[in-house]
Amino acid sequence: MDDRKILKLVGARIKVLRKEKGLSQEALGEKGGFHFTYIGQVERGEKNVALINLGKIAEALEVNVSQLFAYVNDEIELTETDILIQEIVDMLRDSSLENIQLSRNILKEILKNYRTNQK
């Protein structure tokens, strides 16, 4: 993947998350300790943002850093498998720890039985 493309994808994802939270660039900048122009540059893919700063931005957005890399973008050709996995992750994201553990155990059993039947 070309360097600029990854910067633009991460920046676009930050912008989506910021808007979902109802934050302006200025408000996100204040929460994360950045100037709003820096946030704008990151969102446009103009800045090669450091990992430490990604952590601060994720914290200000109240998301896990990994969510900054879960882009949904028309420029990326996602496979049907990628789309289904993302749907599962999205369903689990707001679940309780107990429900996530239960879901994992159910999935383990389903896959174990599937592999057994394939032999």
C-alpha atoms as a PDB file:
ATOM      1  CA  MET A   1       0.000   0.000   0.000  1.00  0.00           C
ATOM      2  CA  ASP A   2       1.320   3.408  -0.943  1.00  0.00           C
ATOM      3  CA  ASP A   3       2.367   5.629   1.993  1.00  0.00           C
ATOM      4  CA  ARG A   4      -0.071   8.417   1.192  1.00  0.00           C
ATOM      5  CA  LYS A   5      -2.989   6.008   0.885  1.00  0.00           C
ATOM      6  CA  ILE A   6      -2.581   4.659   4.424  1.00  0.00           C
ATOM      7  CA  LEU A   7      -2.362   8.202   5.794  1.00  0.00           C
ATOM      8  CA  LYS A   8      -5.538   9.164   3.953  1.00  0.00           C
ATOM      9  CA  LEU A   9      -7.380   6.022   5.073  1.00  0.00           C
ATOM     10  CA  VAL A  10      -6.484   6.487   8.743  1.00  0.00           C
ATOM     11  CA  GLY A  11      -7.270  10.188   8.503  1.00  0.00           C
ATOM     12  CA  ALA A  12     -10.633   9.471   6.901  1.00  0.00           C
ATOM     13  CA  ARG A  13     -11.412   6.961   9.655  1.00  0.00           C
ATOM     14  CA  ILE A  14     -10.542   9.523  12.337  1.00  0.00           C
ATOM     15  CA  LYS A  15     -12.857  12.006  10.637  1.00  0.00           C
ATOM     16  CA  VAL A  16     -15.722   9.472  10.555  1.00  0.00           C
ATOM     17  CA  LEU A  17     -15.249   8.634  14.240  1.00  0.00           C
ATOM     18  CA  ARG A  18     -14.990  12.322  15.166  1.00  0.00           C
ATOM     19  CA  LYS A  19     -18.224  13.117  13.368  1.00  0.00           C
ATOM     20  CA  GLU A  20     -19.960  10.091  14.945  1.00  0.00           C
ATOM     21  CA  LYS A  21     -19.017  11.548  18.340  1.00  0.00           C
ATOM     22  CA  GLY A  22     -20.363  14.957  17.303  1.00  0.00           C
ATOM     23  CA  LEU A  23     -16.990  16.622  17.753  1.00  0.00           C
ATOM     24  CA  SER A  24     -15.512  19.472  15.743  1.00  0.00           C
ATOM     25  CA  GLN A  25     -11.840  19.366  14.817  1.00  0.00           C
ATOM     26  CA  GLU A  26     -11.301  22.007  17.472  1.00  0.00           C
ATOM     27  CA  ALA A  27     -13.095  19.960  20.162  1.00  0.00           C
ATOM     28  CA  LEU A  28     -11.149  16.807  19.263  1.00  0.00           C
ATOM     29  CA  GLY A  29      -7.922  18.797  19.295  1.00  0.00           C
ATOM     30  CA  GLU A  30      -8.681  20.148  22.763  1.00  0.00           C
ATOM     31  CA  LYS A  31      -9.526  16.692  24.116  1.00  0.00           C
ATOM     32  CA  GLY A  32      -6.349  15.194  22.666  1.00  0.00           C
ATOM     33  CA  GLY A  33      -4.025  18.110  23.345  1.00  0.00           C
ATOM     34  CA  PHE A  34      -3.584  19.139  19.694  1.00  0.00           C
ATOM     35  CA  HIS A  35      -4.237  22.244  17.664  1.00  0.00           C
ATOM     36  CA  PHE A  36      -7.292  21.893  15.421  1.00  0.00           C
ATOM     37  CA  THR A  37      -5.160  22.516  12.329  1.00  0.00           C
ATOM     38  CA  TYR A  38      -3.112  19.415  13.184  1.00  0.00           C
ATOM     39  CA  ILE A  39      -6.322  17.351  13.400  1.00  0.00           C
ATOM     40  CA  GLY A  40      -7.343  18.688   9.987  1.00  0.00           C
ATOM     41  CA  GLN A  41      -3.976  17.766   8.505  1.00  0.00           C
ATOM     42  CA  VAL A  42      -4.210  14.258   9.974  1.00  0.00           C
ATOM     43  CA  GLU A  43      -7.745  13.797   8.650  1.00  0.00           C
ATOM     44  CA  ARG A  44      -6.657  14.867   5.151  1.00  0.00           C
ATOM     45  CA  GLY A  45      -3.663  12.509   5.238  1.00  0.00           C
ATOM     46  CA  GLU A  46      -1.182  15.380   5.133  1.00  0.00           C
ATOM     47  CA  LYS A  47       0.625  14.464   8.362  1.00  0.00           C
ATOM     48  CA  ASN A  48       2.465  11.243   9.104  1.00  0.00           C
ATOM     49  CA  VAL A  49       0.987  10.934  12.580  1.00  0.00           C
ATOM     50  CA  ALA A  50       3.106   9.269  15.272  1.00  0.00           C
ATOM     51  CA  LEU A  51       1.797   6.207  17.084  1.00  0.00           C
ATOM     52  CA  ILE A  52       1.794   8.112  20.370  1.00  0.00           C
ATOM     53  CA  ASN A  53      -0.409  10.763  18.790  1.00  0.00           C
ATOM     54  CA  LEU A  54      -2.717   8.085  17.353  1.00  0.00           C
ATOM     55  CA  GLY A  55      -3.081   6.797  20.902  1.00  0.00           C
ATOM     56  CA  LYS A  56      -3.991  10.263  22.145  1.00  0.00           C
ATOM     57  CA  ILE A  57      -6.481  10.764  19.315  1.00  0.00           C
ATOM     58  CA  ALA A  58      -8.068   7.355  20.002  1.00  0.00           C
ATOM     59  CA  GLU A  59      -8.333   8.208  23.701  1.00  0.00           C
ATOM     60  CA  ALA A  60      -9.933  11.566  22.893  1.00  0.00           C
ATOM     61  CA  LEU A  61     -12.415   9.756  20.613  1.00  0.00           C
ATOM     62  CA  GLU A  62     -12.988   7.163  23.352  1.00  0.00           C
ATOM     63  CA  VAL A  63     -12.161   4.254  21.016  1.00  0.00           C
ATOM     64  CA  ASN A  64      -9.469   1.600  20.855  1.00  0.00           C
ATOM     65  CA  VAL A  65      -6.496   2.420  18.637  1.00  0.00           C
ATOM     66  CA  SER A  66      -7.412  -0.574  16.481  1.00  0.00           C
ATOM     67  CA  GLN A  67     -10.645   1.184  15.524  1.00  0.00           C
ATOM     68  CA  LEU A  68      -8.600   3.850  13.767  1.00  0.00           C
ATOM     69  CA  PHE A  69      -7.515   1.159  11.302  1.00  0.00           C
ATOM     70  CA  ALA A  70     -10.977  -0.331  10.703  1.00  0.00           C
ATOM     71  CA  TYR A  71     -11.605   1.773   7.635  1.00  0.00           C
ATOM     72  CA  VAL A  72     -14.673   1.585   5.506  1.00  0.00           C
ATOM     73  CA  ASN A  73     -13.773   3.215   2.251  1.00  0.00           C
ATOM     74  CA  ASP A  74     -14.976   2.810  -1.318  1.00  0.00           C
ATOM     75  CA  GLU A  75     -11.367   2.858  -2.509  1.00  0.00           C
ATOM     76  CA  ILE A  76     -10.648  -0.419  -0.733  1.00  0.00           C
ATOM     77  CA  GLU A  77     -11.968  -3.572  -2.299  1.00  0.00           C
ATOM     78  CA  LEU A  78     -13.129  -5.672   0.632  1.00  0.00           C
ATOM     79  CA  THR A  79     -13.790  -9.353   0.176  1.00  0.00           C
ATOM     80  CA  GLU A  80     -17.078 -10.831   1.317  1.00  0.00           C
ATOM     81  CA  THR A  81     -15.147 -12.453   4.174  1.00  0.00           C
ATOM     82  CA  ASP A  82     -13.721  -9.074   5.260  1.00  0.00           C
ATOM     83  CA  ILE A  83     -17.194  -7.550   5.266  1.00  0.00           C
ATOM     84  CA  LEU A  84     -18.684 -10.393   7.323  1.00  0.00           C
ATOM     85  CA  ILE A  85     -15.843 -10.294   9.845  1.00  0.00           C
ATOM     86  CA  GLN A  86     -16.253  -6.529  10.200  1.00  0.00           C
ATOM     87  CA  GLU A  87     -20.000  -7.005  10.793  1.00  0.00           C
ATOM     88  CA  ILE A  88     -19.261  -9.511  13.572  1.00  0.00           C
ATOM     89  CA  VAL A  89     -16.710  -7.178  15.165  1.00  0.00           C
ATOM     90  CA  ASP A  90     -19.193  -4.289  14.977  1.00  0.00           C
ATOM     91  CA  MET A  91     -21.876  -6.396  16.692  1.00  0.00           C
ATOM     92  CA  LEU A  92     -19.502  -7.370  19.497  1.00  0.00           C
ATOM     93  CA  ARG A  93     -17.946  -3.933  19.986  1.00  0.00           C
ATOM     94  CA  ASP A  94     -20.756  -2.635  22.211  1.00  0.00           C
ATOM     95  CA  SER A  95     -21.416  -5.949  23.965  1.00  0.00           C
ATOM     96  CA  SER A  96     -20.570  -6.770  27.549  1.00  0.00           C
ATOM     97  CA  LEU A  97     -17.448  -8.783  28.329  1.00  0.00           C
ATOM     98  CA  GLU A  98     -19.684 -11.691  29.314  1.00  0.00           C
ATOM     99  CA  ASN A  99     -21.468 -11.663  25.933  1.00  0.00           C
ATOM    100  CA  ILE A 100     -18.180 -11.390  24.063  1.00  0.00           C
ATOM    101  CA  GLN A 101     -16.773 -14.394  25.939  1.00  0.00           C
ATOM    102  CA  LEU A 102     -19.976 -16.343  25.320  1.00  0.00           C
ATOM    103  CA  SER A 103     -19.836 -15.486  21.608  1.00  0.00           C
ATOM    104  CA  ARG A 104     -16.209 -16.595  21.428  1.00  0.00           C
ATOM    105  CA  ASN A 105     -17.002 -19.928  23.090  1.00  0.00           C
ATOM    106  CA  ILE A 106     -19.939 -20.552  20.753  1.00  0.00           C
ATOM    107  CA  LEU A 107     -17.803 -19.718  17.719  1.00  0.00           C
ATOM    108  CA  LYS A 108     -15.025 -22.041  18.939  1.00  0.00           C
ATOM    109  CA  GLU A 109     -17.509 -24.912  19.223  1.00  0.00           C
ATOM    110  CA  ILE A 110     -19.021 -24.239  15.814  1.00  0.00           C
ATOM    111  CA  LEU A 111     -15.583 -24.175  14.167  1.00  0.00           C
ATOM    112  CA  LYS A 112     -14.440 -27.270  16.060  1.00  0.00           C
ATOM    113  CA  ASN A 113     -17.525 -29.192  14.918  1.00  0.00           C
ATOM    114  CA  TYR A 114     -17.142 -27.912  11.368  1.00  0.00           C
ATOM    115  CA  ARG A 115     -13.496 -29.046  11.196  1.00  0.00           C
ATOM    116  CA  THR A 116     -14.397 -32.426  12.642  1.00  0.00           C
ATOM    117  CA  ASN A 117     -17.131 -32.936  10.030  1.00  0.00           C
ATOM    118  CA  GLN A 118     -14.771 -31.911   7.211  1.00  0.00           C
ATOM    119  CA  LYS A 119     -12.375 -34.777   7.930  1.00  0.00           C
END
